[in-house]
PDB file of N, CA and C in Angstrom:
ATOM      1  N   LEU A   1     -16.082   4.882   8.647  1.00  0.00           N
ATOM      2  CA  LEU A   1     -17.147   5.662   8.030  1.00  0.00           C
ATOM      3  C   LEU A   1     -16.630   6.425   6.816  1.00  0.00           C
ATOM      4  N   VAL A   2     -15.429   7.041   6.926  1.00  0.00           N
ATOM      5  CA  VAL A   2     -14.914   7.789   5.771  1.00  0.00           C
ATOM      6  C   VAL A   2     -14.587   6.856   4.618  1.00  0.00           C
ATOM      7  N   GLN A   3     -14.218   5.610   4.926  1.00  0.00           N
ATOM      8  CA  GLN A   3     -14.023   4.629   3.855  1.00  0.00           C
ATOM      9  C   GLN A   3     -15.372   4.226   3.274  1.00  0.00           C
ATOM     10  N   HIS A   4     -16.354   4.023   4.122  1.00  0.00           N
ATOM     11  CA  HIS A   4     -17.687   3.628   3.675  1.00  0.00           C
ATOM     12  C   HIS A   4     -18.297   4.699   2.766  1.00  0.00           C
ATOM     13  N   LEU A   5     -18.054   5.973   3.075  1.00  0.00           N
ATOM     14  CA  LEU A   5     -18.559   7.070   2.246  1.00  0.00           C
ATOM     15  C   LEU A   5     -17.735   7.244   0.973  1.00  0.00           C
ATOM     16  N   ASN A   6     -16.704   6.417   0.808  1.00  0.00           N
ATOM     17  CA  ASN A   6     -15.826   6.448  -0.365  1.00  0.00           C
ATOM     18  C   ASN A   6     -15.085   7.786  -0.480  1.00  0.00           C
ATOM     19  N   ILE A   7     -14.637   8.301   0.667  1.00  0.00           N
ATOM     20  CA  ILE A   7     -13.893   9.559   0.709  1.00  0.00           C
ATOM     21  C   ILE A   7     -12.396   9.292   0.691  1.00  0.00           C
ATOM     22  N   VAL A   8     -11.966   8.198   1.293  1.00  0.00           N
ATOM     23  CA  VAL A   8     -10.553   7.822   1.321  1.00  0.00           C
ATOM     24  C   VAL A   8     -10.416   6.342   0.973  1.00  0.00           C
ATOM     25  N   ASP A   9      -9.205   5.959   0.561  1.00  0.00           N
ATOM     26  CA  ASP A   9      -8.949   4.548   0.262  1.00  0.00           C
ATOM     27  C   ASP A   9      -8.658   3.731   1.512  1.00  0.00           C
ATOM     28  N   GLY A  10      -7.968   4.333   2.491  1.00  0.00           N
ATOM     29  CA  GLY A  10      -7.603   3.584   3.685  1.00  0.00           C
ATOM     30  C   GLY A  10      -7.469   4.475   4.903  1.00  0.00           C
ATOM     31  N   VAL A  11      -7.680   3.883   6.077  1.00  0.00           N
ATOM     32  CA  VAL A  11      -7.576   4.608   7.346  1.00  0.00           C
ATOM     33  C   VAL A  11      -6.803   3.743   8.334  1.00  0.00           C
ATOM     34  N   LYS A  12      -5.812   4.358   9.006  1.00  0.00           N
ATOM     35  CA  LYS A  12      -5.075   3.682  10.081  1.00  0.00           C
ATOM     36  C   LYS A  12      -5.126   4.581  11.313  1.00  0.00           C
ATOM     37  N   VAL A  13      -5.326   3.981  12.469  1.00  0.00           N
ATOM     38  CA  VAL A  13      -5.387   4.742  13.720  1.00  0.00           C
ATOM     39  C   VAL A  13      -4.392   4.146  14.703  1.00  0.00           C
ATOM     40  N   ALA A  14      -3.636   5.020  15.363  1.00  0.00           N
ATOM     41  CA  ALA A  14      -2.674   4.585  16.379  1.00  0.00           C
ATOM     42  C   ALA A  14      -2.707   5.581  17.535  1.00  0.00           C
ATOM     43  N   THR A  15      -2.334   5.109  18.711  1.00  0.00           N
ATOM     44  CA  THR A  15      -2.247   5.975  19.884  1.00  0.00           C
ATOM     45  C   THR A  15      -0.801   6.014  20.348  1.00  0.00           C
ATOM     46  N   ARG A  16      -0.280   7.223  20.532  1.00  0.00           N
ATOM     47  CA  ARG A  16       1.089   7.390  21.040  1.00  0.00           C
ATOM     48  C   ARG A  16       1.087   7.267  22.565  1.00  0.00           C
ATOM     49  N   THR A  17       2.276   7.111  23.123  1.00  0.00           N
ATOM     50  CA  THR A  17       2.393   6.973  24.581  1.00  0.00           C
ATOM     51  C   THR A  17       1.954   8.238  25.321  1.00  0.00           C
ATOM     52  N   ASP A  18       2.035   9.396  24.664  1.00  0.00           N
ATOM     53  CA  ASP A  18       1.602  10.644  25.302  1.00  0.00           C
ATOM     54  C   ASP A  18       0.096  10.866  25.179  1.00  0.00           C
ATOM     55  N   GLY A  19      -0.620   9.899  24.603  1.00  0.00           N
ATOM     56  CA  GLY A  19      -2.072   9.998  24.479  1.00  0.00           C
ATOM     57  C   GLY A  19      -2.552  10.592  23.169  1.00  0.00           C
ATOM     58  N   THR A  20      -1.642  11.048  22.336  1.00  0.00           N
ATOM     59  CA  THR A  20      -2.017  11.603  21.039  1.00  0.00           C
ATOM     60  C   THR A  20      -2.540  10.489  20.139  1.00  0.00           C
ATOM     61  N   ILE A  21      -3.660  10.761  19.487  1.00  0.00           N
ATOM     62  CA  ILE A  21      -4.244   9.807  18.546  1.00  0.00           C
ATOM     63  C   ILE A  21      -3.842  10.242  17.145  1.00  0.00           C
ATOM     64  N   VAL A  22      -3.224   9.337  16.411  1.00  0.00           N
ATOM     65  CA  VAL A  22      -2.740   9.629  15.061  1.00  0.00           C
ATOM     66  C   VAL A  22      -3.612   8.863  14.071  1.00  0.00           C
ATOM     67  N   VAL A  23      -4.249   9.598  13.159  1.00  0.00           N
ATOM     68  CA  VAL A  23      -5.109   8.991  12.143  1.00  0.00           C
ATOM     69  C   VAL A  23      -4.485   9.262  10.782  1.00  0.00           C
ATOM     70  N   THR A  24      -4.147   8.201  10.067  1.00  0.00           N
ATOM     71  CA  THR A  24      -3.547   8.326   8.741  1.00  0.00           C
ATOM     72  C   THR A  24      -4.587   7.954   7.696  1.00  0.00           C
ATOM     73  N   LEU A  25      -4.874   8.910   6.823  1.00  0.00           N
ATOM     74  CA  LEU A  25      -5.834   8.703   5.740  1.00  0.00           C
ATOM     75  C   LEU A  25      -5.058   8.603   4.441  1.00  0.00           C
ATOM     76  N   SER A  26      -5.262   7.535   3.693  1.00  0.00           N
ATOM     77  CA  SER A  26      -4.540   7.400   2.430  1.00  0.00           C
ATOM     78  C   SER A  26      -5.463   7.710   1.259  1.00  0.00           C
ATOM     79  N   LYS A  27      -4.929   8.481   0.348  1.00  0.00           N
ATOM     80  CA  LYS A  27      -5.602   8.827  -0.905  1.00  0.00           C
ATOM     81  C   LYS A  27      -6.994   9.417  -0.697  1.00  0.00           C
ATOM     82  N   ILE A  28      -7.040  10.642  -0.151  1.00  0.00           N
ATOM     83  CA  ILE A  28      -8.319  11.340  -0.040  1.00  0.00           C
ATOM     84  C   ILE A  28      -8.822  11.615  -1.449  1.00  0.00           C
ATOM     85  N   LYS A  29     -10.065  11.298  -1.686  1.00  0.00           N
ATOM     86  CA  LYS A  29     -10.658  11.462  -3.016  1.00  0.00           C
ATOM     87  C   LYS A  29     -11.298  12.842  -3.102  1.00  0.00           C
ATOM     88  N   TYR A  30     -10.593  13.781  -3.708  1.00  0.00           N
ATOM     89  CA  TYR A  30     -11.090  15.151  -3.772  1.00  0.00           C
ATOM     90  C   TYR A  30     -12.216  15.315  -4.775  1.00  0.00           C
ATOM     91  N   GLY A  31     -12.610  14.247  -5.446  1.00  0.00           N
ATOM     92  CA  GLY A  31     -13.719  14.314  -6.377  1.00  0.00           C
ATOM     93  C   GLY A  31     -15.074  14.195  -5.703  1.00  0.00           C
ATOM     94  N   PHE A  32     -15.104  14.101  -4.378  1.00  0.00           N
ATOM     95  CA  PHE A  32     -16.397  13.957  -3.703  1.00  0.00           C
ATOM     96  C   PHE A  32     -16.987  15.336  -3.471  1.00  0.00           C
ATOM     97  N   SER A  33     -17.333  16.012  -4.569  1.00  0.00           N
ATOM     98  CA  SER A  33     -17.737  17.413  -4.553  1.00  0.00           C
ATOM     99  C   SER A  33     -19.037  17.678  -3.797  1.00  0.00           C
ATOM    100  N   LYS A  34     -19.818  16.642  -3.506  1.00  0.00           N
ATOM    101  CA  LYS A  34     -21.053  16.904  -2.769  1.00  0.00           C
ATOM    102  C   LYS A  34     -20.767  17.284  -1.315  1.00  0.00           C
ATOM    103  N   TYR A  35     -19.532  17.083  -0.846  1.00  0.00           N
ATOM    104  CA  TYR A  35     -19.149  17.480   0.505  1.00  0.00           C
ATOM    105  C   TYR A  35     -18.371  18.789   0.429  1.00  0.00           C
ATOM    106  N   ARG A  36     -18.845  19.799   1.143  1.00  0.00           N
ATOM    107  CA  ARG A  36     -18.161  21.091   1.149  1.00  0.00           C
ATOM    108  C   ARG A  36     -17.077  21.091   2.221  1.00  0.00           C
ATOM    109  N   GLY A  37     -16.069  21.916   2.016  1.00  0.00           N
ATOM    110  CA  GLY A  37     -14.992  22.016   2.998  1.00  0.00           C
ATOM    111  C   GLY A  37     -14.386  20.663   3.279  1.00  0.00           C
ATOM    112  N   LYS A  38     -13.958  19.999   2.239  1.00  0.00           N
ATOM    113  CA  LYS A  38     -13.572  18.587   2.262  1.00  0.00           C
ATOM    114  C   LYS A  38     -12.764  18.165   3.482  1.00  0.00           C
ATOM    115  N   ILE A  39     -11.638  18.792   3.734  1.00  0.00           N
ATOM    116  CA  ILE A  39     -10.799  18.338   4.846  1.00  0.00           C
ATOM    117  C   ILE A  39     -11.462  18.643   6.184  1.00  0.00           C
ATOM    118  N   GLY A  40     -12.148  19.775   6.281  1.00  0.00           N
ATOM    119  CA  GLY A  40     -12.879  20.091   7.510  1.00  0.00           C
ATOM    120  C   GLY A  40     -13.967  19.075   7.794  1.00  0.00           C
ATOM    121  N   PHE A  41     -14.636  18.645   6.740  1.00  0.00           N
ATOM    122  CA  PHE A  41     -15.678  17.622   6.848  1.00  0.00           C
ATOM    123  C   PHE A  41     -15.087  16.314   7.360  1.00  0.00           C
ATOM    124  N   ILE A  42     -13.949  15.928   6.792  1.00  0.00           N
ATOM    125  CA  ILE A  42     -13.285  14.688   7.192  1.00  0.00           C
ATOM    126  C   ILE A  42     -12.824  14.769   8.647  1.00  0.00           C
ATOM    127  N   ILE A  43     -12.207  15.892   9.037  1.00  0.00           N
ATOM    128  CA  ILE A  43     -11.735  16.065  10.417  1.00  0.00           C
ATOM    129  C   ILE A  43     -12.907  15.966  11.395  1.00  0.00           C
ATOM    130  N   THR A  44     -14.038  16.564  11.039  1.00  0.00           N
ATOM    131  CA  THR A  44     -15.217  16.523  11.901  1.00  0.00           C
ATOM    132  C   THR A  44     -15.733  15.103  12.072  1.00  0.00           C
ATOM    133  N   ILE A  45     -15.831  14.363  10.968  1.00  0.00           N
ATOM    134  CA  ILE A  45     -16.304  12.974  11.040  1.00  0.00           C
ATOM    135  C   ILE A  45     -15.358  12.128  11.889  1.00  0.00           C
ATOM    136  N   VAL A  46     -14.062  12.220  11.609  1.00  0.00           N
ATOM    137  CA  VAL A  46     -13.078  11.417  12.343  1.00  0.00           C
ATOM    138  C   VAL A  46     -13.091  11.786  13.823  1.00  0.00           C
ATOM    139  N   GLY A  47     -13.130  13.077  14.137  1.00  0.00           N
ATOM    140  CA  GLY A  47     -13.172  13.522  15.532  1.00  0.00           C
ATOM    141  C   GLY A  47     -14.398  13.009  16.270  1.00  0.00           C
ATOM    142  N   ALA A  48     -15.551  13.042  15.608  1.00  0.00           N
ATOM    143  CA  ALA A  48     -16.790  12.557  16.223  1.00  0.00           C
ATOM    144  C   ALA A  48     -16.720  11.053  16.488  1.00  0.00           C
ATOM    145  N   ILE A  49     -16.173  10.312  15.543  1.00  0.00           N
ATOM    146  CA  ILE A  49     -16.046   8.861  15.722  1.00  0.00           C
ATOM    147  C   ILE A  49     -15.081   8.541  16.864  1.00  0.00           C
ATOM    148  N   LEU A  50     -13.957   9.278  16.933  1.00  0.00           N
ATOM    149  CA  LEU A  50     -12.999   9.054  18.023  1.00  0.00           C
ATOM    150  C   LEU A  50     -13.619   9.381  19.376  1.00  0.00           C
ATOM    151  N   ALA A  51     -14.359  10.488  19.451  1.00  0.00           N
ATOM    152  CA  ALA A  51     -15.006  10.877  20.709  1.00  0.00           C
ATOM    153  C   ALA A  51     -15.985   9.805  21.167  1.00  0.00           C
ATOM    154  N   GLU A  52     -16.743   9.267  20.232  1.00  0.00           N
ATOM    155  CA  GLU A  52     -17.699   8.204  20.562  1.00  0.00           C
ATOM    156  C   GLU A  52     -16.971   6.926  20.978  1.00  0.00           C
ATOM    157  N   THR A  53     -15.909   6.594  20.263  1.00  0.00           N
ATOM    158  CA  THR A  53     -15.154   5.370  20.542  1.00  0.00           C
ATOM    159  C   THR A  53     -14.478   5.421  21.909  1.00  0.00           C
ATOM    160  N   PHE A  54     -13.816   6.549  22.203  1.00  0.00           N
ATOM    161  CA  PHE A  54     -13.083   6.678  23.464  1.00  0.00           C
ATOM    162  C   PHE A  54     -13.952   7.225  24.601  1.00  0.00           C
ATOM    163  N   ASN A  55     -15.184   7.604  24.273  1.00  0.00           N
ATOM    164  CA  ASN A  55     -16.137   8.130  25.243  1.00  0.00           C
ATOM    165  C   ASN A  55     -15.564   9.311  26.032  1.00  0.00           C
ATOM    166  N   ARG A  56     -14.951  10.228  25.301  1.00  0.00           N
ATOM    167  CA  ARG A  56     -14.402  11.442  25.916  1.00  0.00           C
ATOM    168  C   ARG A  56     -14.279  12.531  24.861  1.00  0.00           C
ATOM    169  N   LYS A  57     -14.025  13.747  25.336  1.00  0.00           N
ATOM    170  CA  LYS A  57     -13.855  14.871  24.424  1.00  0.00           C
ATOM    171  C   LYS A  57     -12.543  14.703  23.658  1.00  0.00           C
ATOM    172  N   ILE A  58     -12.584  14.935  22.358  1.00  0.00           N
ATOM    173  CA  ILE A  58     -11.409  14.818  21.497  1.00  0.00           C
ATOM    174  C   ILE A  58     -11.123  16.189  20.893  1.00  0.00           C
ATOM    175  N   GLU A  59      -9.865  16.586  20.920  1.00  0.00           N
ATOM    176  CA  GLU A  59      -9.451  17.882  20.378  1.00  0.00           C
ATOM    177  C   GLU A  59      -8.543  17.665  19.171  1.00  0.00           C
ATOM    178  N   PHE A  60      -8.857  18.350  18.065  1.00  0.00           N
ATOM    179  CA  PHE A  60      -8.007  18.290  16.879  1.00  0.00           C
ATOM    180  C   PHE A  60      -6.774  19.144  17.131  1.00  0.00           C
ATOM    181  N   LEU A  61      -5.581  18.578  16.897  1.00  0.00           N
ATOM    182  CA  LEU A  61      -4.332  19.294  17.143  1.00  0.00           C
ATOM    183  C   LEU A  61      -3.685  19.830  15.876  1.00  0.00           C
ATOM    184  N   ASN A  62      -3.514  18.950  14.882  1.00  0.00           N
ATOM    185  CA  ASN A  62      -2.696  19.329  13.731  1.00  0.00           C
ATOM    186  C   ASN A  62      -2.965  18.388  12.566  1.00  0.00           C
ATOM    187  N   MET A  63      -2.516  18.820  11.392  1.00  0.00           N
ATOM    188  CA  MET A  63      -2.617  17.994  10.203  1.00  0.00           C
ATOM    189  C   MET A  63      -1.314  18.094   9.429  1.00  0.00           C
ATOM    190  N   GLU A  64      -0.862  16.974   8.889  1.00  0.00           N
ATOM    191  CA  GLU A  64       0.327  16.944   8.034  1.00  0.00           C
ATOM    192  C   GLU A  64      -0.020  16.227   6.743  1.00  0.00           C
ATOM    193  N   LYS A  65       0.587  16.672   5.648  1.00  0.00           N
ATOM    194  CA  LYS A  65       0.422  16.002   4.356  1.00  0.00           C
ATOM    195  C   LYS A  65       1.746  15.367   3.990  1.00  0.00           C
ATOM    196  N   LYS A  66       1.698  14.095   3.602  1.00  0.00           N
ATOM    197  CA  LYS A  66       2.892  13.384   3.143  1.00  0.00           C
ATOM    198  C   LYS A  66       2.502  12.581   1.915  1.00  0.00           C
ATOM    199  N   LEU A  67       2.948  13.029   0.755  1.00  0.00           N
ATOM    200  CA  LEU A  67       2.609  12.392  -0.515  1.00  0.00           C
ATOM    201  C   LEU A  67       1.105  12.189  -0.623  1.00  0.00           C
ATOM    202  N   GLU A  68       0.655  10.946  -0.660  1.00  0.00           N
ATOM    203  CA  GLU A  68      -0.777  10.682  -0.813  1.00  0.00           C
ATOM    204  C   GLU A  68      -1.475  10.429   0.518  1.00  0.00           C
ATOM    205  N   GLU A  69      -0.779  10.696   1.618  1.00  0.00           N
ATOM    206  CA  GLU A  69      -1.365  10.483   2.937  1.00  0.00           C
ATOM    207  C   GLU A  69      -1.619  11.810   3.638  1.00  0.00           C
ATOM    208  N   THR A  70      -2.702  11.866   4.379  1.00  0.00           N
ATOM    209  CA  THR A  70      -3.011  12.990   5.247  1.00  0.00           C
ATOM    210  C   THR A  70      -3.021  12.441   6.660  1.00  0.00           C
ATOM    211  N   ILE A  71      -2.237  13.061   7.537  1.00  0.00           N
ATOM    212  CA  ILE A  71      -2.114  12.576   8.911  1.00  0.00           C
ATOM    213  C   ILE A  71      -2.767  13.597   9.841  1.00  0.00           C
ATOM    214  N   LEU A  72      -3.732  13.128  10.618  1.00  0.00           N
ATOM    215  CA  LEU A  72      -4.456  13.975  11.558  1.00  0.00           C
ATOM    216  C   LEU A  72      -4.044  13.608  12.975  1.00  0.00           C
ATOM    217  N   PHE A  73      -3.838  14.626  13.797  1.00  0.00           N
ATOM    218  CA  PHE A  73      -3.443  14.412  15.191  1.00  0.00           C
ATOM    219  C   PHE A  73      -4.548  14.940  16.104  1.00  0.00           C
ATOM    220  N   PHE A  74      -4.973  14.107  17.044  1.00  0.00           N
ATOM    221  CA  PHE A  74      -6.008  14.459  18.005  1.00  0.00           C
ATOM    222  C   PHE A  74      -5.489  14.178  19.409  1.00  0.00           C
ATOM    223  N   LYS A  75      -6.069  14.837  20.392  1.00  0.00           N
ATOM    224  CA  LYS A  75      -5.699  14.607  21.798  1.00  0.00           C
ATOM    225  C   LYS A  75      -6.968  14.388  22.593  1.00  0.00           C
TER     226      LYS A  75
END
């Protein structure tokens, strides 16, 4: 969905053995000014999609920035 809305160039999702869900977003497009609170908006969308996909409550844990990637951690 975040790719479809043209907010990021790429999305990768992985699950760690401890159950942590790692979402890597590449090249967030900060020019999408019609969305307020850009990163909060993205975290909310990704969290909602994960909750629907896994059919359970998802909790946002942390965020890391690495060059052009933003890494979101959920449990």
